[in-house]
Amino acid sequence: MEYNSNIEFNLVIEGPTTAEPNYYEMNAKDLILNRSGRAKVDRGLGSIVPNWSIGDTLTKSKGNSIVILKKKKPILGTRIFVSEWTCNGSFINGEPL
């Protein structure tokens, strides 16, 4: 939990996501640094990966284990997905996976 709480990112997905054993990798623009490149997101934090697509924004602040996905286009009427990883499992919009 402490390791994941120290991770921070604010990315716009610009290219396809590939799954590696411990992380997801994608072409993305870092909104804080204002530059594009390859980004890696820990698989434990990436439980919302099936919902990612190009143009979406992924954010995570230091000090918590919540990842927010803002969709460019809504899925089933939902534009924002909140994923939280806890010692008791992963949740999306408050529902267990």
N, C-alpha and C. Protein backbone atom coordinates (compact mmCIF):
# COMPACT_ATOMS: atom_id res chain seq x y z
N MET A 1 0.83 -1.20 0.00
CA MET A 1 0.00 0.00 0.00
C MET A 1 0.87 1.25 0.00
N GLU A 2 1.91 1.26 0.84
CA GLU A 2 2.74 2.45 0.92
C GLU A 2 3.47 2.72 -0.40
N TYR A 3 3.94 1.66 -1.07
CA TYR A 3 4.61 1.82 -2.37
C TYR A 3 3.67 2.48 -3.37
N ASN A 4 2.46 1.96 -3.49
CA ASN A 4 1.50 2.51 -4.45
C ASN A 4 1.06 3.92 -4.09
N SER A 5 1.01 4.27 -2.81
CA SER A 5 0.57 5.60 -2.43
C SER A 5 1.59 6.67 -2.81
N ASN A 6 2.84 6.30 -3.04
CA ASN A 6 3.87 7.28 -3.42
C ASN A 6 3.94 7.53 -4.92
N ILE A 7 3.19 6.79 -5.71
CA ILE A 7 3.19 6.95 -7.17
C ILE A 7 2.24 8.08 -7.54
N GLU A 8 2.66 8.89 -8.52
CA GLU A 8 1.83 9.99 -9.00
C GLU A 8 1.93 10.07 -10.52
N PHE A 9 0.80 10.27 -11.20
CA PHE A 9 0.85 10.49 -12.64
C PHE A 9 -0.39 11.27 -13.08
N ASN A 10 -0.25 11.92 -14.24
CA ASN A 10 -1.32 12.69 -14.85
C ASN A 10 -1.08 12.59 -16.36
N LEU A 11 -1.70 11.61 -17.01
CA LEU A 11 -1.39 11.24 -18.38
C LEU A 11 -2.59 11.28 -19.30
N VAL A 12 -2.35 11.65 -20.56
CA VAL A 12 -3.34 11.47 -21.62
C VAL A 12 -2.82 10.34 -22.50
N ILE A 13 -3.62 9.31 -22.70
CA ILE A 13 -3.20 8.15 -23.48
C ILE A 13 -3.20 8.53 -24.96
N GLU A 14 -2.03 8.35 -25.60
CA GLU A 14 -1.89 8.71 -27.01
C GLU A 14 -1.72 7.50 -27.94
N GLY A 15 -1.43 6.34 -27.37
CA GLY A 15 -1.20 5.16 -28.19
C GLY A 15 -1.70 3.91 -27.49
N PRO A 16 -1.64 2.78 -28.16
CA PRO A 16 -2.19 1.54 -27.60
C PRO A 16 -1.46 1.10 -26.33
N THR A 17 -2.18 0.38 -25.49
CA THR A 17 -1.64 -0.15 -24.25
C THR A 17 -1.19 -1.59 -24.46
N THR A 18 -0.01 -1.92 -23.95
CA THR A 18 0.47 -3.30 -23.98
C THR A 18 0.60 -3.78 -22.55
N ALA A 19 0.31 -5.05 -22.33
CA ALA A 19 0.38 -5.64 -21.00
C ALA A 19 1.69 -6.38 -20.83
N GLU A 20 2.43 -6.01 -19.82
CA GLU A 20 3.65 -6.70 -19.42
C GLU A 20 3.35 -7.43 -18.12
N PRO A 21 4.26 -8.30 -17.65
CA PRO A 21 3.96 -9.07 -16.43
C PRO A 21 3.61 -8.21 -15.21
N ASN A 22 4.28 -7.07 -15.02
CA ASN A 22 4.06 -6.27 -13.81
C ASN A 22 3.47 -4.89 -14.06
N TYR A 23 3.28 -4.51 -15.31
CA TYR A 23 2.79 -3.17 -15.61
C TYR A 23 2.14 -3.12 -16.99
N TYR A 24 1.42 -2.04 -17.22
CA TYR A 24 0.88 -1.73 -18.54
C TYR A 24 1.74 -0.60 -19.10
N GLU A 25 2.04 -0.67 -20.40
CA GLU A 25 2.85 0.36 -21.03
C GLU A 25 2.08 0.95 -22.21
N MET A 26 2.21 2.26 -22.39
CA MET A 26 1.47 2.94 -23.45
C MET A 26 2.20 4.20 -23.89
N ASN A 27 1.86 4.70 -25.07
CA ASN A 27 2.29 6.03 -25.47
C ASN A 27 1.37 7.00 -24.77
N ALA A 28 1.94 8.00 -24.08
CA ALA A 28 1.12 8.95 -23.33
C ALA A 28 1.81 10.29 -23.24
N LYS A 29 1.00 11.31 -23.00
CA LYS A 29 1.54 12.65 -22.76
C LYS A 29 1.43 12.94 -21.28
N ASP A 30 2.56 13.27 -20.66
CA ASP A 30 2.60 13.66 -19.26
C ASP A 30 2.14 15.12 -19.18
N LEU A 31 1.01 15.36 -18.54
CA LEU A 31 0.46 16.71 -18.49
C LEU A 31 1.24 17.63 -17.56
N ILE A 32 1.96 17.07 -16.61
CA ILE A 32 2.77 17.89 -15.70
C ILE A 32 4.05 18.35 -16.41
N LEU A 33 4.72 17.43 -17.12
CA LEU A 33 5.95 17.77 -17.83
C LEU A 33 5.69 18.31 -19.23
N ASN A 34 4.46 18.17 -19.72
CA ASN A 34 4.05 18.61 -21.05
C ASN A 34 4.91 17.99 -22.15
N ARG A 35 5.11 16.65 -22.05
CA ARG A 35 5.85 15.96 -23.10
C ARG A 35 5.31 14.54 -23.26
N SER A 36 5.48 14.02 -24.47
CA SER A 36 5.00 12.67 -24.79
C SER A 36 6.12 11.66 -24.70
N GLY A 37 5.76 10.40 -24.48
CA GLY A 37 6.72 9.31 -24.41
C GLY A 37 6.02 8.03 -24.00
N ARG A 38 6.82 7.02 -23.64
CA ARG A 38 6.27 5.75 -23.15
C ARG A 38 6.04 5.87 -21.64
N ALA A 39 4.88 5.44 -21.19
CA ALA A 39 4.54 5.48 -19.76
C ALA A 39 4.22 4.08 -19.29
N LYS A 40 4.56 3.80 -18.04
CA LYS A 40 4.26 2.52 -17.42
C LYS A 40 3.37 2.75 -16.20
N VAL A 41 2.33 1.94 -16.09
CA VAL A 41 1.43 1.99 -14.94
C VAL A 41 1.40 0.62 -14.31
N ASP A 42 1.68 0.55 -13.02
CA ASP A 42 1.70 -0.71 -12.27
C ASP A 42 0.38 -1.44 -12.45
N ARG A 43 0.44 -2.75 -12.67
CA ARG A 43 -0.78 -3.55 -12.89
C ARG A 43 -1.73 -3.48 -11.70
N GLY A 44 -1.19 -3.36 -10.49
CA GLY A 44 -2.05 -3.25 -9.32
C GLY A 44 -2.90 -2.00 -9.34
N LEU A 45 -2.37 -0.94 -9.94
CA LEU A 45 -3.13 0.31 -10.04
C LEU A 45 -3.95 0.38 -11.31
N GLY A 46 -3.68 -0.53 -12.24
CA GLY A 46 -4.32 -0.47 -13.55
C GLY A 46 -5.53 -1.35 -13.70
N SER A 47 -6.32 -1.52 -12.66
CA SER A 47 -7.47 -2.43 -12.74
C SER A 47 -8.54 -1.93 -13.70
N ILE A 48 -8.46 -0.67 -14.12
CA ILE A 48 -9.44 -0.16 -15.07
C ILE A 48 -8.94 -0.23 -16.50
N VAL A 49 -7.84 -0.99 -16.73
CA VAL A 49 -7.25 -1.06 -18.07
C VAL A 49 -8.23 -1.47 -19.17
N PRO A 50 -9.22 -2.34 -18.93
CA PRO A 50 -10.13 -2.67 -20.03
C PRO A 50 -10.93 -1.46 -20.53
N ASN A 51 -11.02 -0.43 -19.72
CA ASN A 51 -11.79 0.75 -20.10
C ASN A 51 -10.95 1.87 -20.73
N TRP A 52 -9.62 1.73 -20.78
CA TRP A 52 -8.77 2.77 -21.35
C TRP A 52 -8.88 2.79 -22.86
N SER A 53 -8.76 3.97 -23.44
CA SER A 53 -8.63 4.11 -24.88
C SER A 53 -7.90 5.42 -25.19
N ILE A 54 -7.48 5.56 -26.43
CA ILE A 54 -6.71 6.74 -26.83
C ILE A 54 -7.54 8.00 -26.60
N GLY A 55 -6.91 9.01 -26.01
CA GLY A 55 -7.57 10.27 -25.70
C GLY A 55 -8.07 10.38 -24.28
N ASP A 56 -8.09 9.27 -23.55
CA ASP A 56 -8.53 9.29 -22.15
C ASP A 56 -7.41 9.83 -21.25
N THR A 57 -7.79 10.32 -20.08
CA THR A 57 -6.85 10.85 -19.11
C THR A 57 -6.82 9.96 -17.87
N LEU A 58 -5.62 9.60 -17.42
CA LEU A 58 -5.41 8.82 -16.19
C LEU A 58 -4.71 9.71 -15.17
N THR A 59 -5.25 9.80 -13.97
CA THR A 59 -4.60 10.59 -12.93
C THR A 59 -4.53 9.81 -11.63
N LYS A 60 -3.46 10.05 -10.89
CA LYS A 60 -3.30 9.49 -9.55
C LYS A 60 -2.45 10.46 -8.76
N SER A 61 -2.91 10.83 -7.58
CA SER A 61 -2.19 11.73 -6.69
C SER A 61 -1.38 10.94 -5.67
N LYS A 62 -0.29 11.54 -5.20
CA LYS A 62 0.49 10.92 -4.13
C LYS A 62 -0.36 10.86 -2.87
N GLY A 63 -0.12 9.83 -2.08
CA GLY A 63 -0.79 9.72 -0.79
C GLY A 63 -2.07 8.90 -0.80
N ASN A 64 -2.46 8.36 -1.96
CA ASN A 64 -3.64 7.50 -1.99
C ASN A 64 -3.46 6.40 -3.02
N SER A 65 -4.42 5.50 -3.10
CA SER A 65 -4.34 4.40 -4.06
C SER A 65 -5.49 4.46 -5.06
N ILE A 66 -5.95 5.68 -5.35
CA ILE A 66 -7.08 5.88 -6.25
C ILE A 66 -6.58 6.35 -7.61
N VAL A 67 -7.02 5.67 -8.67
CA VAL A 67 -6.71 6.07 -10.04
C VAL A 67 -8.03 6.54 -10.67
N ILE A 68 -8.00 7.72 -11.28
CA ILE A 68 -9.19 8.27 -11.92
C ILE A 68 -9.00 8.22 -13.43
N LEU A 69 -9.95 7.65 -14.12
CA LEU A 69 -9.95 7.57 -15.57
C LEU A 69 -11.06 8.48 -16.08
N LYS A 70 -10.68 9.51 -16.86
CA LYS A 70 -11.66 10.39 -17.47
C LYS A 70 -11.72 10.03 -18.95
N LYS A 71 -12.85 9.52 -19.36
CA LYS A 71 -13.05 9.07 -20.74
C LYS A 71 -13.24 10.26 -21.67
N LYS A 72 -12.64 10.18 -22.86
CA LYS A 72 -12.87 11.18 -23.89
C LYS A 72 -14.32 11.07 -24.37
N LYS A 73 -14.79 9.81 -24.53
CA LYS A 73 -16.18 9.54 -24.90
C LYS A 73 -16.75 8.59 -23.85
N PRO A 74 -17.94 8.86 -23.34
CA PRO A 74 -18.54 8.02 -22.29
C PRO A 74 -18.75 6.56 -22.73
N ILE A 75 -18.66 5.64 -21.77
CA ILE A 75 -19.01 4.23 -21.97
C ILE A 75 -20.28 3.99 -21.15
N LEU A 76 -21.33 3.56 -21.82
CA LEU A 76 -22.61 3.29 -21.16
C LEU A 76 -23.05 4.46 -20.29
N GLY A 77 -22.83 5.68 -20.78
CA GLY A 77 -23.24 6.88 -20.05
C GLY A 77 -22.29 7.33 -18.96
N THR A 78 -21.19 6.60 -18.74
CA THR A 78 -20.24 6.96 -17.68
C THR A 78 -18.98 7.54 -18.31
N ARG A 79 -18.55 8.70 -17.82
CA ARG A 79 -17.36 9.33 -18.35
C ARG A 79 -16.19 9.21 -17.37
N ILE A 80 -16.46 9.11 -16.07
CA ILE A 80 -15.39 9.05 -15.07
C ILE A 80 -15.48 7.72 -14.33
N PHE A 81 -14.35 7.00 -14.29
CA PHE A 81 -14.24 5.75 -13.55
C PHE A 81 -13.22 5.96 -12.44
N VAL A 82 -13.54 5.51 -11.24
CA VAL A 82 -12.63 5.62 -10.10
C VAL A 82 -12.24 4.22 -9.68
N SER A 83 -10.96 3.93 -9.74
CA SER A 83 -10.43 2.62 -9.37
C SER A 83 -9.62 2.78 -8.10
N GLU A 84 -9.86 1.89 -7.13
CA GLU A 84 -9.08 1.94 -5.89
C GLU A 84 -8.55 0.56 -5.56
N TRP A 85 -7.26 0.48 -5.28
CA TRP A 85 -6.62 -0.76 -4.86
C TRP A 85 -6.44 -0.69 -3.36
N THR A 86 -6.93 -1.71 -2.65
CA THR A 86 -6.77 -1.78 -1.20
C THR A 86 -6.26 -3.17 -0.83
N CYS A 87 -5.90 -3.34 0.41
CA CYS A 87 -5.47 -4.66 0.88
C CYS A 87 -6.61 -5.67 0.82
N ASN A 88 -7.84 -5.19 0.72
CA ASN A 88 -9.02 -6.05 0.65
C ASN A 88 -9.47 -6.32 -0.78
N GLY A 89 -8.70 -5.83 -1.78
CA GLY A 89 -9.05 -6.06 -3.17
C GLY A 89 -9.15 -4.77 -3.95
N SER A 90 -9.55 -4.90 -5.22
CA SER A 90 -9.69 -3.75 -6.10
C SER A 90 -11.16 -3.42 -6.30
N PHE A 91 -11.43 -2.13 -6.47
CA PHE A 91 -12.80 -1.65 -6.64
C PHE A 91 -12.84 -0.68 -7.81
N ILE A 92 -13.91 -0.71 -8.60
CA ILE A 92 -14.16 0.28 -9.63
C ILE A 92 -15.49 0.93 -9.33
N ASN A 93 -15.48 2.26 -9.17
CA ASN A 93 -16.66 3.02 -8.78
C ASN A 93 -17.33 2.42 -7.55
N GLY A 94 -16.50 1.96 -6.61
CA GLY A 94 -16.99 1.41 -5.35
C GLY A 94 -17.42 -0.04 -5.38
N GLU A 95 -17.44 -0.66 -6.56
CA GLU A 95 -17.86 -2.05 -6.69
C GLU A 95 -16.63 -2.96 -6.78
N PRO A 96 -16.61 -4.10 -6.06
CA PRO A 96 -15.46 -5.01 -6.15
C PRO A 96 -15.33 -5.61 -7.54
N LEU A 97 -14.09 -5.88 -7.93
CA LEU A 97 -13.85 -6.53 -9.24
C LEU A 97 -14.22 -7.97 -9.19
